[in-house]
Amino acid sequence: MSWCSPAVPALAGHGLEGRFVTLQTSDRASGKPSPDMVLRALAETGADAASTVVVGDTTFDMMMARNAGALAVGVTWGYHRADELRASGAHAIVSSFLDVAPTLARLVDGGGHERPDPSVGVRWDRHGDSSANETGAQKDLSGGGRFAER
């Protein structure tokens, strides 16, 4: 990477520098819930949105993932509560770090369970607005369809 992310010193402080293929921060792309950081990471890595999972602790992380067509996993040890994460589109909620890897495997590999619909999301209009339609379901620009809460 020629550009140095502001995250690099924090990662280095924890011995994690160099473990990431790409780093995305809002100083290089639109902030959450815009899908730009996820889309940029997908472009830089060649990954497919349908097999990508965003793990986050805020409703904005869940909306960003959904808006990019990726799966969203909410963690309960951060800023927003489980019910808020679920309402903002999380495909799964985990309450323990030990549950993250099995949850990712189940979502990405199927694990015998129905794969969630990644087209569910919050509409992002590039002006910073997200909105719900008359039924309370929200619309995603990438998929254009309505969804029901899981």
N, C-alpha and C. Protein backbone atom coordinates (compact mmCIF):
# COMPACT_ATOMS: atom_id res chain seq x y z
N MET A 1 0.83 -1.18 0.00
CA MET A 1 0.00 0.00 0.00
C MET A 1 0.88 1.24 0.00
N SER A 2 0.66 2.14 -0.96
CA SER A 2 1.43 3.37 -0.97
C SER A 2 0.84 4.39 0.01
N TRP A 3 -0.47 4.40 0.14
CA TRP A 3 -1.15 5.28 1.07
C TRP A 3 -1.09 4.65 2.44
N CYS A 4 -0.86 5.43 3.46
CA CYS A 4 -0.80 4.89 4.82
C CYS A 4 -2.07 5.23 5.57
N SER A 5 -2.84 4.22 5.85
CA SER A 5 -4.08 4.39 6.59
C SER A 5 -3.79 4.87 8.00
N PRO A 6 -4.66 5.72 8.54
CA PRO A 6 -4.51 6.11 9.94
C PRO A 6 -4.69 4.92 10.88
N ALA A 7 -5.22 3.81 10.38
CA ALA A 7 -5.40 2.62 11.21
C ALA A 7 -4.09 1.86 11.41
N VAL A 8 -3.09 2.10 10.56
CA VAL A 8 -1.85 1.33 10.62
C VAL A 8 -1.16 1.44 11.98
N PRO A 9 -1.00 2.64 12.56
CA PRO A 9 -0.35 2.69 13.88
C PRO A 9 -1.10 1.90 14.96
N ALA A 10 -2.43 1.94 14.93
CA ALA A 10 -3.21 1.18 15.91
C ALA A 10 -3.03 -0.31 15.69
N LEU A 11 -3.04 -0.74 14.43
CA LEU A 11 -2.84 -2.16 14.14
C LEU A 11 -1.43 -2.59 14.55
N ALA A 12 -0.45 -1.76 14.26
CA ALA A 12 0.94 -2.08 14.61
C ALA A 12 1.09 -2.21 16.13
N GLY A 13 0.40 -1.35 16.87
CA GLY A 13 0.45 -1.40 18.32
C GLY A 13 -0.06 -2.71 18.90
N HIS A 14 -0.87 -3.42 18.13
CA HIS A 14 -1.42 -4.70 18.57
C HIS A 14 -0.78 -5.88 17.83
N GLY A 15 0.31 -5.61 17.09
CA GLY A 15 0.99 -6.67 16.36
C GLY A 15 0.22 -7.18 15.15
N LEU A 16 -0.68 -6.37 14.60
CA LEU A 16 -1.52 -6.80 13.50
C LEU A 16 -1.16 -6.15 12.16
N GLU A 17 -0.15 -5.31 12.14
CA GLU A 17 0.25 -4.65 10.90
C GLU A 17 0.66 -5.70 9.87
N GLY A 18 0.25 -5.49 8.64
CA GLY A 18 0.61 -6.41 7.56
C GLY A 18 -0.28 -7.63 7.43
N ARG A 19 -1.28 -7.76 8.27
CA ARG A 19 -2.17 -8.92 8.22
C ARG A 19 -3.39 -8.69 7.34
N PHE A 20 -3.53 -7.49 6.80
CA PHE A 20 -4.70 -7.15 6.01
C PHE A 20 -4.31 -6.88 4.56
N VAL A 21 -5.12 -7.35 3.64
CA VAL A 21 -4.90 -7.13 2.22
C VAL A 21 -5.26 -5.70 1.85
N THR A 22 -6.29 -5.16 2.48
CA THR A 22 -6.73 -3.80 2.21
C THR A 22 -7.26 -3.18 3.50
N LEU A 23 -7.09 -1.90 3.64
CA LEU A 23 -7.62 -1.15 4.77
C LEU A 23 -8.48 -0.03 4.23
N GLN A 24 -9.66 0.13 4.78
CA GLN A 24 -10.58 1.16 4.31
C GLN A 24 -10.96 2.07 5.45
N THR A 25 -10.86 3.36 5.22
CA THR A 25 -11.26 4.35 6.21
C THR A 25 -12.06 5.44 5.50
N SER A 26 -12.81 6.18 6.27
CA SER A 26 -13.69 7.19 5.69
C SER A 26 -12.94 8.41 5.15
N ASP A 27 -11.63 8.47 5.30
CA ASP A 27 -10.91 9.57 4.67
C ASP A 27 -10.60 9.29 3.20
N ARG A 28 -10.86 8.05 2.74
CA ARG A 28 -10.65 7.69 1.33
C ARG A 28 -11.95 7.36 0.62
N ALA A 29 -13.03 7.22 1.33
CA ALA A 29 -14.32 6.86 0.74
C ALA A 29 -15.42 7.47 1.60
N SER A 30 -16.62 7.50 1.07
CA SER A 30 -17.75 8.02 1.85
C SER A 30 -17.92 7.20 3.12
N GLY A 31 -18.36 7.87 4.17
CA GLY A 31 -18.57 7.19 5.45
C GLY A 31 -19.81 6.32 5.46
N LYS A 32 -19.93 5.54 6.50
CA LYS A 32 -21.07 4.65 6.69
C LYS A 32 -22.34 5.48 6.85
N PRO A 33 -23.46 5.05 6.34
CA PRO A 33 -23.79 3.74 5.80
C PRO A 33 -23.57 3.58 4.30
N SER A 34 -22.90 4.54 3.68
CA SER A 34 -22.56 4.38 2.26
C SER A 34 -21.81 3.07 2.08
N PRO A 35 -22.03 2.36 0.99
CA PRO A 35 -21.32 1.10 0.76
C PRO A 35 -19.90 1.28 0.23
N ASP A 36 -19.46 2.52 0.06
CA ASP A 36 -18.19 2.78 -0.63
C ASP A 36 -16.98 2.06 -0.06
N MET A 37 -16.84 2.01 1.26
CA MET A 37 -15.66 1.35 1.83
C MET A 37 -15.67 -0.14 1.52
N VAL A 38 -16.82 -0.78 1.60
CA VAL A 38 -16.91 -2.21 1.29
C VAL A 38 -16.68 -2.42 -0.21
N LEU A 39 -17.31 -1.60 -1.03
CA LEU A 39 -17.14 -1.75 -2.48
C LEU A 39 -15.69 -1.54 -2.89
N ARG A 40 -15.03 -0.61 -2.27
CA ARG A 40 -13.61 -0.36 -2.56
C ARG A 40 -12.75 -1.56 -2.14
N ALA A 41 -13.05 -2.12 -0.98
CA ALA A 41 -12.32 -3.31 -0.52
C ALA A 41 -12.55 -4.48 -1.48
N LEU A 42 -13.79 -4.64 -1.94
CA LEU A 42 -14.09 -5.70 -2.89
C LEU A 42 -13.31 -5.51 -4.18
N ALA A 43 -13.26 -4.28 -4.67
CA ALA A 43 -12.53 -3.99 -5.90
C ALA A 43 -11.03 -4.25 -5.75
N GLU A 44 -10.48 -3.87 -4.60
CA GLU A 44 -9.04 -4.04 -4.37
C GLU A 44 -8.64 -5.49 -4.17
N THR A 45 -9.57 -6.31 -3.71
CA THR A 45 -9.23 -7.70 -3.42
C THR A 45 -9.77 -8.69 -4.45
N GLY A 46 -10.71 -8.24 -5.27
CA GLY A 46 -11.33 -9.15 -6.23
C GLY A 46 -12.37 -10.05 -5.59
N ALA A 47 -12.77 -9.75 -4.38
CA ALA A 47 -13.77 -10.56 -3.68
C ALA A 47 -15.16 -10.28 -4.22
N ASP A 48 -16.05 -11.22 -4.01
CA ASP A 48 -17.44 -11.11 -4.44
C ASP A 48 -18.30 -10.69 -3.25
N ALA A 49 -19.16 -9.71 -3.46
CA ALA A 49 -20.00 -9.20 -2.37
C ALA A 49 -20.86 -10.30 -1.74
N ALA A 50 -21.36 -11.21 -2.56
CA ALA A 50 -22.25 -12.26 -2.05
C ALA A 50 -21.55 -13.21 -1.09
N SER A 51 -20.22 -13.29 -1.15
CA SER A 51 -19.48 -14.18 -0.24
C SER A 51 -18.65 -13.38 0.76
N THR A 52 -19.01 -12.13 0.96
CA THR A 52 -18.30 -11.25 1.88
C THR A 52 -19.17 -10.98 3.10
N VAL A 53 -18.53 -10.96 4.26
CA VAL A 53 -19.23 -10.67 5.51
C VAL A 53 -18.56 -9.46 6.16
N VAL A 54 -19.38 -8.50 6.55
CA VAL A 54 -18.91 -7.35 7.32
C VAL A 54 -19.32 -7.61 8.76
N VAL A 55 -18.34 -7.58 9.66
CA VAL A 55 -18.60 -7.75 11.09
C VAL A 55 -18.46 -6.38 11.72
N GLY A 56 -19.49 -5.97 12.45
CA GLY A 56 -19.44 -4.64 13.04
C GLY A 56 -20.27 -4.53 14.30
N ASP A 57 -20.10 -3.40 14.98
CA ASP A 57 -20.80 -3.20 16.25
C ASP A 57 -21.78 -2.03 16.20
N THR A 58 -22.02 -1.48 15.01
CA THR A 58 -22.96 -0.37 14.91
C THR A 58 -24.01 -0.64 13.84
N THR A 59 -25.12 0.06 13.96
CA THR A 59 -26.16 -0.02 12.94
C THR A 59 -25.62 0.46 11.60
N PHE A 60 -24.70 1.40 11.62
CA PHE A 60 -24.11 1.92 10.39
C PHE A 60 -23.30 0.85 9.68
N ASP A 61 -22.62 -0.02 10.43
CA ASP A 61 -21.88 -1.14 9.84
C ASP A 61 -22.85 -2.09 9.14
N MET A 62 -23.99 -2.38 9.78
CA MET A 62 -24.97 -3.30 9.20
C MET A 62 -25.53 -2.73 7.90
N MET A 63 -25.86 -1.44 7.92
CA MET A 63 -26.41 -0.79 6.73
C MET A 63 -25.37 -0.72 5.61
N MET A 64 -24.12 -0.44 5.95
CA MET A 64 -23.06 -0.39 4.95
C MET A 64 -22.90 -1.75 4.27
N ALA A 65 -22.90 -2.81 5.06
CA ALA A 65 -22.77 -4.16 4.50
C ALA A 65 -23.93 -4.46 3.56
N ARG A 66 -25.14 -4.22 4.03
CA ARG A 66 -26.33 -4.48 3.21
C ARG A 66 -26.31 -3.66 1.93
N ASN A 67 -25.94 -2.40 2.03
CA ASN A 67 -25.92 -1.53 0.85
C ASN A 67 -24.88 -1.98 -0.17
N ALA A 68 -23.86 -2.69 0.27
CA ALA A 68 -22.83 -3.21 -0.64
C ALA A 68 -23.19 -4.59 -1.17
N GLY A 69 -24.29 -5.17 -0.69
CA GLY A 69 -24.67 -6.52 -1.12
C GLY A 69 -23.96 -7.62 -0.36
N ALA A 70 -23.32 -7.26 0.76
CA ALA A 70 -22.59 -8.23 1.59
C ALA A 70 -23.47 -8.67 2.74
N LEU A 71 -23.03 -9.72 3.41
CA LEU A 71 -23.70 -10.19 4.62
C LEU A 71 -23.23 -9.34 5.80
N ALA A 72 -24.09 -9.21 6.81
CA ALA A 72 -23.79 -8.37 7.96
C ALA A 72 -23.92 -9.18 9.24
N VAL A 73 -22.87 -9.12 10.07
CA VAL A 73 -22.89 -9.77 11.38
C VAL A 73 -22.66 -8.70 12.44
N GLY A 74 -23.61 -8.61 13.37
CA GLY A 74 -23.48 -7.65 14.45
C GLY A 74 -22.89 -8.28 15.68
N VAL A 75 -22.01 -7.55 16.35
CA VAL A 75 -21.43 -8.02 17.61
C VAL A 75 -21.98 -7.14 18.73
N THR A 76 -22.30 -7.76 19.86
CA THR A 76 -22.99 -7.05 20.93
C THR A 76 -22.07 -6.38 21.95
N TRP A 77 -20.77 -6.46 21.78
CA TRP A 77 -19.87 -5.87 22.77
C TRP A 77 -19.37 -4.50 22.33
N GLY A 78 -20.11 -3.84 21.45
CA GLY A 78 -19.69 -2.52 20.97
C GLY A 78 -20.70 -1.44 21.28
N TYR A 79 -20.94 -0.60 20.30
CA TYR A 79 -21.74 0.60 20.51
C TYR A 79 -23.25 0.39 20.52
N HIS A 80 -23.78 -0.50 19.66
CA HIS A 80 -25.23 -0.64 19.57
C HIS A 80 -25.71 -1.99 20.08
N ARG A 81 -26.94 -1.98 20.59
CA ARG A 81 -27.56 -3.19 21.17
C ARG A 81 -27.97 -4.18 20.07
N ALA A 82 -28.17 -5.41 20.46
CA ALA A 82 -28.55 -6.48 19.53
C ALA A 82 -29.83 -6.14 18.78
N ASP A 83 -30.83 -5.61 19.46
CA ASP A 83 -32.09 -5.29 18.79
C ASP A 83 -31.91 -4.19 17.74
N GLU A 84 -31.03 -3.25 18.01
CA GLU A 84 -30.74 -2.18 17.03
C GLU A 84 -29.99 -2.75 15.83
N LEU A 85 -29.03 -3.63 16.08
CA LEU A 85 -28.27 -4.25 14.99
C LEU A 85 -29.19 -5.09 14.11
N ARG A 86 -30.06 -5.85 14.75
CA ARG A 86 -31.02 -6.69 14.01
C ARG A 86 -31.95 -5.82 13.17
N ALA A 87 -32.46 -4.75 13.75
CA ALA A 87 -33.39 -3.87 13.05
C ALA A 87 -32.72 -3.15 11.87
N SER A 88 -31.42 -2.98 11.94
CA SER A 88 -30.72 -2.30 10.84
C SER A 88 -30.22 -3.27 9.78
N GLY A 89 -30.56 -4.57 9.92
CA GLY A 89 -30.28 -5.50 8.84
C GLY A 89 -29.26 -6.59 9.09
N ALA A 90 -28.83 -6.80 10.32
CA ALA A 90 -27.86 -7.87 10.59
C ALA A 90 -28.44 -9.22 10.21
N HIS A 91 -27.64 -10.02 9.50
CA HIS A 91 -28.05 -11.39 9.17
C HIS A 91 -27.90 -12.29 10.38
N ALA A 92 -26.97 -11.92 11.26
CA ALA A 92 -26.72 -12.71 12.48
C ALA A 92 -26.19 -11.77 13.55
N ILE A 93 -26.40 -12.15 14.79
CA ILE A 93 -25.90 -11.41 15.95
C ILE A 93 -25.07 -12.37 16.77
N VAL A 94 -23.87 -11.94 17.18
CA VAL A 94 -23.05 -12.78 18.06
C VAL A 94 -22.75 -12.00 19.34
N SER A 95 -22.74 -12.72 20.44
CA SER A 95 -22.51 -12.10 21.74
C SER A 95 -21.16 -12.47 22.34
N SER A 96 -20.45 -13.35 21.67
CA SER A 96 -19.14 -13.79 22.14
C SER A 96 -18.17 -13.86 20.96
N PHE A 97 -16.95 -13.44 21.20
CA PHE A 97 -15.93 -13.52 20.15
C PHE A 97 -15.78 -14.96 19.66
N LEU A 98 -15.95 -15.92 20.54
CA LEU A 98 -15.83 -17.33 20.17
C LEU A 98 -16.89 -17.77 19.16
N ASP A 99 -17.98 -17.03 19.07
CA ASP A 99 -19.06 -17.37 18.14
C ASP A 99 -18.88 -16.75 16.75
N VAL A 100 -17.90 -15.86 16.59
CA VAL A 100 -17.73 -15.19 15.30
C VAL A 100 -17.37 -16.18 14.20
N ALA A 101 -16.32 -16.97 14.37
CA ALA A 101 -15.88 -17.90 13.30
C ALA A 101 -16.96 -18.90 12.91
N PRO A 102 -17.64 -19.57 13.86
CA PRO A 102 -18.70 -20.49 13.45
C PRO A 102 -19.85 -19.79 12.73
N THR A 103 -20.15 -18.57 13.14
CA THR A 103 -21.22 -17.81 12.49
C THR A 103 -20.83 -17.46 11.07
N LEU A 104 -19.58 -17.04 10.87
CA LEU A 104 -19.11 -16.74 9.51
C LEU A 104 -19.18 -17.98 8.64
N ALA A 105 -18.74 -19.11 9.16
CA ALA A 105 -18.77 -20.37 8.39
C ALA A 105 -20.19 -20.73 8.00
N ARG A 106 -21.12 -20.58 8.93
CA ARG A 106 -22.52 -20.90 8.64
C ARG A 106 -23.08 -19.98 7.57
N LEU A 107 -22.78 -18.70 7.65
CA LEU A 107 -23.32 -17.75 6.68
C LEU A 107 -22.71 -17.92 5.29
N VAL A 108 -21.39 -18.06 5.24
CA VAL A 108 -20.71 -18.11 3.95
C VAL A 108 -20.81 -19.48 3.31
N ASP A 109 -20.62 -20.53 4.08
CA ASP A 109 -20.63 -21.88 3.53
C ASP A 109 -22.02 -22.51 3.51
N GLY A 110 -22.97 -21.85 4.11
CA GLY A 110 -24.32 -22.40 4.16
C GLY A 110 -24.54 -23.24 5.40
N GLY A 111 -23.62 -24.11 5.72
CA GLY A 111 -23.71 -24.92 6.93
C GLY A 111 -25.04 -25.63 7.10
N GLY A 112 -25.71 -25.94 5.98
CA GLY A 112 -26.99 -26.62 6.07
C GLY A 112 -28.14 -25.69 6.36
N HIS A 113 -27.88 -24.39 6.48
CA HIS A 113 -28.93 -23.42 6.75
C HIS A 113 -29.21 -22.61 5.50
N GLU A 114 -30.38 -22.03 5.45
CA GLU A 114 -30.73 -21.15 4.34
C GLU A 114 -29.82 -19.93 4.36
N ARG A 115 -29.26 -19.61 3.21
CA ARG A 115 -28.39 -18.44 3.12
C ARG A 115 -29.26 -17.19 3.10
N PRO A 116 -28.95 -16.20 3.95
CA PRO A 116 -29.76 -14.99 3.99
C PRO A 116 -29.72 -14.23 2.66
N ASP A 117 -30.74 -13.47 2.39
CA ASP A 117 -30.82 -12.67 1.19
C ASP A 117 -29.96 -11.42 1.36
N PRO A 118 -28.84 -11.30 0.61
CA PRO A 118 -27.97 -10.13 0.78
C PRO A 118 -28.53 -8.87 0.15
N SER A 119 -29.63 -8.96 -0.58
CA SER A 119 -30.19 -7.76 -1.21
C SER A 119 -30.94 -6.89 -0.23
N VAL A 120 -31.15 -7.37 0.98
CA VAL A 120 -31.85 -6.59 1.98
C VAL A 120 -30.95 -5.47 2.44
N GLY A 121 -31.47 -4.27 2.52
CA GLY A 121 -30.62 -3.19 2.97
C GLY A 121 -31.34 -1.88 3.17
N VAL A 122 -30.58 -0.88 3.40
CA VAL A 122 -31.08 0.46 3.60
C VAL A 122 -30.70 1.29 2.38
N ARG A 123 -31.65 2.06 1.90
CA ARG A 123 -31.38 2.88 0.71
C ARG A 123 -30.38 3.97 1.07
N TRP A 124 -29.39 4.13 0.22
CA TRP A 124 -28.38 5.17 0.40
C TRP A 124 -28.42 6.04 -0.83
N ASP A 125 -28.68 7.31 -0.68
CA ASP A 125 -28.90 8.17 -1.85
C ASP A 125 -27.74 9.11 -2.16
N ARG A 126 -26.59 8.90 -1.59
CA ARG A 126 -25.40 9.72 -1.80
C ARG A 126 -25.49 11.10 -1.18
N HIS A 127 -26.61 11.41 -0.54
CA HIS A 127 -26.75 12.69 0.14
C HIS A 127 -26.80 12.49 1.65
N GLY A 128 -26.52 11.26 2.06
CA GLY A 128 -26.50 10.96 3.49
C GLY A 128 -27.82 10.57 4.08
N ASP A 129 -28.84 10.40 3.23
CA ASP A 129 -30.16 10.05 3.75
C ASP A 129 -30.41 8.56 3.61
N SER A 130 -30.99 7.96 4.60
CA SER A 130 -31.51 6.61 4.47
C SER A 130 -32.97 6.69 4.87
N SER A 131 -33.79 5.89 4.24
CA SER A 131 -35.20 6.00 4.55
C SER A 131 -35.91 4.67 4.43
N ALA A 132 -37.04 4.58 5.08
CA ALA A 132 -37.87 3.38 5.03
C ALA A 132 -39.10 3.67 4.18
N ASN A 133 -39.62 2.62 3.54
CA ASN A 133 -40.85 2.82 2.77
C ASN A 133 -42.05 2.75 3.69
N GLU A 134 -43.24 2.81 3.11
CA GLU A 134 -44.46 2.91 3.91
C GLU A 134 -44.70 1.71 4.80
N THR A 135 -44.09 0.56 4.53
CA THR A 135 -44.32 -0.61 5.36
C THR A 135 -43.28 -0.74 6.46
N GLY A 136 -42.30 0.15 6.46
CA GLY A 136 -41.22 0.05 7.43
C GLY A 136 -40.06 -0.77 6.89
N ALA A 137 -40.29 -1.48 5.79
CA ALA A 137 -39.19 -2.20 5.15
C ALA A 137 -38.36 -1.18 4.40
N GLN A 138 -37.10 -1.45 4.25
CA GLN A 138 -36.25 -0.50 3.58
C GLN A 138 -35.78 -1.05 2.25
N LYS A 139 -35.37 -0.16 1.37
CA LYS A 139 -35.03 -0.52 0.01
C LYS A 139 -33.55 -0.32 -0.23
N ASP A 140 -32.93 -1.24 -0.94
CA ASP A 140 -31.50 -1.22 -1.21
C ASP A 140 -31.30 -0.84 -2.67
N LEU A 141 -30.40 0.10 -2.94
CA LEU A 141 -30.13 0.49 -4.32
C LEU A 141 -29.56 -0.65 -5.14
N SER A 142 -28.74 -1.51 -4.54
CA SER A 142 -28.10 -2.57 -5.31
C SER A 142 -29.08 -3.65 -5.71
N GLY A 143 -30.07 -3.95 -4.87
CA GLY A 143 -31.01 -5.02 -5.19
C GLY A 143 -32.37 -4.49 -5.57
N GLY A 144 -32.72 -3.32 -5.07
CA GLY A 144 -33.96 -2.69 -5.42
C GLY A 144 -35.20 -3.34 -4.85
N GLY A 145 -35.09 -4.38 -4.01
CA GLY A 145 -36.28 -5.06 -3.54
C GLY A 145 -36.60 -4.80 -2.10
N ARG A 146 -37.85 -5.08 -1.75
CA ARG A 146 -38.27 -4.97 -0.35
C ARG A 146 -37.79 -6.18 0.42
N PHE A 147 -37.76 -6.06 1.71
CA PHE A 147 -37.33 -7.19 2.52
C PHE A 147 -38.16 -7.27 3.79
N ALA A 148 -38.07 -8.42 4.37
CA ALA A 148 -38.69 -8.64 5.68
C ALA A 148 -37.58 -8.89 6.67
N GLU A 149 -37.76 -8.44 7.89
CA GLU A 149 -36.75 -8.68 8.93
C GLU A 149 -36.56 -10.17 9.15
N ARG A 150 -35.35 -10.61 9.39
CA ARG A 150 -35.04 -12.01 9.70
C ARG A 150 -34.98 -12.16 11.18
